[in-house]
Amino acid sequence: MAVDNALPWRHLLSSLRLSPTGQAPAEDCQRCRESLPLFVSDEMAGQAVDDLYMETAVHLDLCPACFQEYEALAGLAYAALYDLGNDA
């Protein structure tokens, strides 16, 4: 019996497809947003987040709303780490 190695990829792609309105399914966005804190902290630590969080990385490429949330969270984390608000 031959094993279909493409099956996991088909599942991943079908779960990340955008709806006709251009918005990802709500449950995909929820999973993405739940993983964003670890995604951002690992990214800032130099980890290979595209490999560690492949589903999140792909979703961010496809979903403008989640990408905007990622940018905001990454900006806050960067500012907190480097204390950009402190002019002392």
N, C-alpha and C. Protein backbone atom coordinates (compact mmCIF):
# COMPACT_ATOMS: atom_id res chain seq x y z
N MET A 1 0.84 -1.19 0.00
CA MET A 1 0.00 0.00 0.00
C MET A 1 0.89 1.25 0.00
N ALA A 2 0.68 2.13 -0.93
CA ALA A 2 1.47 3.36 -1.04
C ALA A 2 0.94 4.40 -0.05
N VAL A 3 1.87 5.09 0.57
CA VAL A 3 1.51 6.14 1.52
C VAL A 3 1.51 7.46 0.77
N ASP A 4 0.46 8.23 0.94
CA ASP A 4 0.36 9.54 0.29
C ASP A 4 1.06 10.57 1.18
N ASN A 5 2.32 10.90 0.85
CA ASN A 5 3.09 11.85 1.64
C ASN A 5 2.57 13.27 1.50
N ALA A 6 1.77 13.55 0.49
CA ALA A 6 1.26 14.90 0.27
C ALA A 6 0.04 15.19 1.14
N LEU A 7 -0.54 14.19 1.76
CA LEU A 7 -1.77 14.38 2.53
C LEU A 7 -1.64 15.44 3.62
N PRO A 8 -0.58 15.44 4.46
CA PRO A 8 -0.51 16.51 5.47
C PRO A 8 -0.47 17.90 4.85
N TRP A 9 0.20 18.05 3.71
CA TRP A 9 0.26 19.34 3.05
C TRP A 9 -1.09 19.76 2.52
N ARG A 10 -1.83 18.79 1.97
CA ARG A 10 -3.17 19.11 1.48
C ARG A 10 -4.05 19.58 2.62
N HIS A 11 -3.96 18.91 3.77
CA HIS A 11 -4.76 19.31 4.93
C HIS A 11 -4.37 20.71 5.39
N LEU A 12 -3.06 20.98 5.48
CA LEU A 12 -2.60 22.30 5.90
C LEU A 12 -3.10 23.38 4.95
N LEU A 13 -2.94 23.16 3.66
CA LEU A 13 -3.36 24.17 2.68
C LEU A 13 -4.86 24.38 2.70
N SER A 14 -5.63 23.30 2.82
CA SER A 14 -7.08 23.46 2.82
C SER A 14 -7.55 24.18 4.07
N SER A 15 -6.86 23.97 5.20
CA SER A 15 -7.29 24.63 6.43
C SER A 15 -6.89 26.10 6.44
N LEU A 16 -5.95 26.50 5.58
CA LEU A 16 -5.50 27.89 5.57
C LEU A 16 -6.06 28.70 4.41
N ARG A 17 -6.84 28.08 3.55
CA ARG A 17 -7.41 28.82 2.42
C ARG A 17 -8.31 29.95 2.90
N LEU A 18 -8.22 31.06 2.23
CA LEU A 18 -9.07 32.19 2.57
C LEU A 18 -10.47 31.96 2.02
N SER A 19 -11.43 32.50 2.70
CA SER A 19 -12.80 32.43 2.23
C SER A 19 -12.97 33.41 1.07
N PRO A 20 -14.09 33.34 0.35
CA PRO A 20 -14.32 34.28 -0.77
C PRO A 20 -14.29 35.74 -0.34
N THR A 21 -14.48 36.02 0.95
CA THR A 21 -14.44 37.40 1.43
C THR A 21 -13.02 37.87 1.66
N GLY A 22 -12.04 36.96 1.52
CA GLY A 22 -10.65 37.33 1.75
C GLY A 22 -10.23 37.18 3.19
N GLN A 23 -11.08 36.65 4.04
CA GLN A 23 -10.77 36.47 5.46
C GLN A 23 -10.62 34.99 5.75
N ALA A 24 -9.63 34.65 6.54
CA ALA A 24 -9.42 33.26 6.94
C ALA A 24 -10.54 32.83 7.89
N PRO A 25 -10.82 31.53 7.96
CA PRO A 25 -11.84 31.05 8.91
C PRO A 25 -11.47 31.46 10.33
N ALA A 26 -12.47 31.79 11.12
CA ALA A 26 -12.26 32.31 12.48
C ALA A 26 -11.44 31.37 13.34
N GLU A 27 -11.66 30.06 13.22
CA GLU A 27 -10.90 29.13 14.07
C GLU A 27 -9.42 29.13 13.70
N ASP A 28 -9.07 29.36 12.44
CA ASP A 28 -7.67 29.47 12.04
C ASP A 28 -7.05 30.73 12.63
N CYS A 29 -7.78 31.81 12.61
CA CYS A 29 -7.30 33.06 13.20
C CYS A 29 -7.12 32.91 14.71
N GLN A 30 -8.03 32.23 15.35
CA GLN A 30 -7.94 32.02 16.81
C GLN A 30 -6.67 31.23 17.15
N ARG A 31 -6.42 30.15 16.42
CA ARG A 31 -5.21 29.35 16.67
C ARG A 31 -3.95 30.19 16.42
N CYS A 32 -3.97 30.98 15.37
CA CYS A 32 -2.83 31.83 15.05
C CYS A 32 -2.59 32.83 16.18
N ARG A 33 -3.62 33.50 16.60
CA ARG A 33 -3.47 34.53 17.64
C ARG A 33 -3.03 33.93 18.97
N GLU A 34 -3.46 32.71 19.26
CA GLU A 34 -3.03 32.04 20.49
C GLU A 34 -1.54 31.72 20.45
N SER A 35 -0.99 31.48 19.27
CA SER A 35 0.42 31.13 19.16
C SER A 35 1.33 32.35 19.00
N LEU A 36 0.76 33.52 18.78
CA LEU A 36 1.58 34.70 18.50
C LEU A 36 2.56 35.07 19.62
N PRO A 37 2.19 35.02 20.89
CA PRO A 37 3.19 35.39 21.91
C PRO A 37 4.45 34.53 21.86
N LEU A 38 4.30 33.21 21.73
CA LEU A 38 5.47 32.34 21.62
C LEU A 38 6.19 32.56 20.29
N PHE A 39 5.43 32.74 19.23
CA PHE A 39 6.01 32.99 17.90
C PHE A 39 6.92 34.21 17.96
N VAL A 40 6.42 35.30 18.53
CA VAL A 40 7.18 36.55 18.59
C VAL A 40 8.39 36.40 19.51
N SER A 41 8.21 35.81 20.69
CA SER A 41 9.35 35.69 21.61
C SER A 41 10.42 34.77 21.04
N ASP A 42 10.03 33.68 20.41
CA ASP A 42 11.01 32.80 19.80
C ASP A 42 11.69 33.47 18.61
N GLU A 43 10.94 34.24 17.85
CA GLU A 43 11.52 34.97 16.73
C GLU A 43 12.56 35.97 17.22
N MET A 44 12.24 36.67 18.30
CA MET A 44 13.18 37.64 18.85
C MET A 44 14.41 36.96 19.44
N ALA A 45 14.26 35.70 19.85
CA ALA A 45 15.39 34.94 20.39
C ALA A 45 16.22 34.29 19.29
N GLY A 46 15.83 34.52 18.04
CA GLY A 46 16.60 34.00 16.92
C GLY A 46 16.24 32.59 16.50
N GLN A 47 15.11 32.08 16.99
CA GLN A 47 14.67 30.75 16.61
C GLN A 47 14.11 30.75 15.19
N ALA A 48 14.12 29.59 14.56
CA ALA A 48 13.58 29.45 13.19
C ALA A 48 12.07 29.26 13.27
N VAL A 49 11.34 30.37 13.46
CA VAL A 49 9.90 30.28 13.69
C VAL A 49 9.14 29.77 12.47
N ASP A 50 9.67 29.97 11.28
CA ASP A 50 8.99 29.44 10.09
C ASP A 50 8.94 27.92 10.13
N ASP A 51 9.93 27.31 10.77
CA ASP A 51 9.94 25.85 10.92
C ASP A 51 9.21 25.41 12.18
N LEU A 52 9.42 26.13 13.28
CA LEU A 52 8.81 25.77 14.56
C LEU A 52 7.30 25.96 14.56
N TYR A 53 6.84 27.01 13.90
CA TYR A 53 5.42 27.37 13.88
C TYR A 53 4.97 27.51 12.43
N MET A 54 5.14 26.47 11.66
CA MET A 54 4.87 26.54 10.22
C MET A 54 3.43 26.98 9.93
N GLU A 55 2.46 26.44 10.62
CA GLU A 55 1.07 26.79 10.36
C GLU A 55 0.82 28.27 10.65
N THR A 56 1.40 28.77 11.74
CA THR A 56 1.25 30.19 12.08
C THR A 56 1.93 31.06 11.04
N ALA A 57 3.14 30.69 10.63
CA ALA A 57 3.87 31.49 9.64
C ALA A 57 3.11 31.57 8.32
N VAL A 58 2.58 30.46 7.87
CA VAL A 58 1.82 30.44 6.62
C VAL A 58 0.54 31.27 6.78
N HIS A 59 -0.13 31.12 7.91
CA HIS A 59 -1.36 31.87 8.15
C HIS A 59 -1.07 33.38 8.13
N LEU A 60 0.03 33.79 8.74
CA LEU A 60 0.38 35.21 8.74
C LEU A 60 0.63 35.73 7.33
N ASP A 61 1.14 34.87 6.46
CA ASP A 61 1.34 35.27 5.06
C ASP A 61 0.02 35.44 4.32
N LEU A 62 -1.02 34.76 4.79
CA LEU A 62 -2.30 34.76 4.08
C LEU A 62 -3.36 35.68 4.68
N CYS A 63 -3.22 36.02 5.95
CA CYS A 63 -4.30 36.74 6.66
C CYS A 63 -3.82 38.12 7.10
N PRO A 64 -4.29 39.17 6.43
CA PRO A 64 -3.86 40.53 6.78
C PRO A 64 -4.24 40.92 8.22
N ALA A 65 -5.37 40.47 8.72
CA ALA A 65 -5.79 40.83 10.08
C ALA A 65 -4.84 40.25 11.12
N CYS A 66 -4.48 38.98 10.96
CA CYS A 66 -3.56 38.36 11.91
C CYS A 66 -2.16 38.93 11.76
N PHE A 67 -1.75 39.24 10.54
CA PHE A 67 -0.44 39.84 10.33
C PHE A 67 -0.36 41.20 11.02
N GLN A 68 -1.44 41.95 10.97
CA GLN A 68 -1.48 43.25 11.64
C GLN A 68 -1.34 43.07 13.15
N GLU A 69 -1.98 42.05 13.70
CA GLU A 69 -1.85 41.77 15.13
C GLU A 69 -0.42 41.34 15.47
N TYR A 70 0.18 40.52 14.59
CA TYR A 70 1.57 40.12 14.77
C TYR A 70 2.48 41.34 14.81
N GLU A 71 2.30 42.27 13.87
CA GLU A 71 3.14 43.47 13.82
C GLU A 71 3.00 44.30 15.11
N ALA A 72 1.78 44.41 15.60
CA ALA A 72 1.55 45.18 16.83
C ALA A 72 2.23 44.50 18.02
N LEU A 73 2.06 43.19 18.14
CA LEU A 73 2.66 42.46 19.25
C LEU A 73 4.19 42.49 19.17
N ALA A 74 4.73 42.31 17.97
CA ALA A 74 6.18 42.35 17.79
C ALA A 74 6.73 43.74 18.12
N GLY A 75 5.99 44.77 17.73
CA GLY A 75 6.41 46.14 18.05
C GLY A 75 6.43 46.39 19.54
N LEU A 76 5.41 45.91 20.24
CA LEU A 76 5.35 46.07 21.70
C LEU A 76 6.48 45.30 22.37
N ALA A 77 6.73 44.07 21.92
CA ALA A 77 7.78 43.25 22.51
C ALA A 77 9.15 43.89 22.28
N TYR A 78 9.37 44.40 21.09
CA TYR A 78 10.64 45.06 20.78
C TYR A 78 10.81 46.30 21.65
N ALA A 79 9.76 47.10 21.77
CA ALA A 79 9.83 48.31 22.59
C ALA A 79 10.08 47.97 24.05
N ALA A 80 9.44 46.93 24.55
CA ALA A 80 9.64 46.52 25.95
C ALA A 80 11.06 46.00 26.16
N LEU A 81 11.55 45.22 25.21
CA LEU A 81 12.89 44.63 25.35
C LEU A 81 13.97 45.71 25.32
N TYR A 82 13.79 46.65 24.45
CA TYR A 82 14.81 47.69 24.30
C TYR A 82 14.44 48.99 24.99
N ASP A 83 13.35 48.96 25.76
CA ASP A 83 12.90 50.10 26.56
C ASP A 83 12.93 51.40 25.77
N LEU A 84 12.26 51.36 24.63
CA LEU A 84 12.27 52.51 23.73
C LEU A 84 11.53 53.72 24.29
N GLY A 85 10.70 53.51 25.28
CA GLY A 85 9.96 54.62 25.85
C GLY A 85 10.74 55.38 26.89
N ASN A 86 11.94 54.90 27.25
CA ASN A 86 12.73 55.53 28.29
C ASN A 86 13.74 56.48 27.66
N ASP A 87 13.58 57.78 27.91
CA ASP A 87 14.49 58.78 27.33
C ASP A 87 15.61 59.15 28.29
N ALA A 88 15.75 58.43 29.39
CA ALA A 88 16.75 58.78 30.41
C ALA A 88 18.16 58.52 29.96
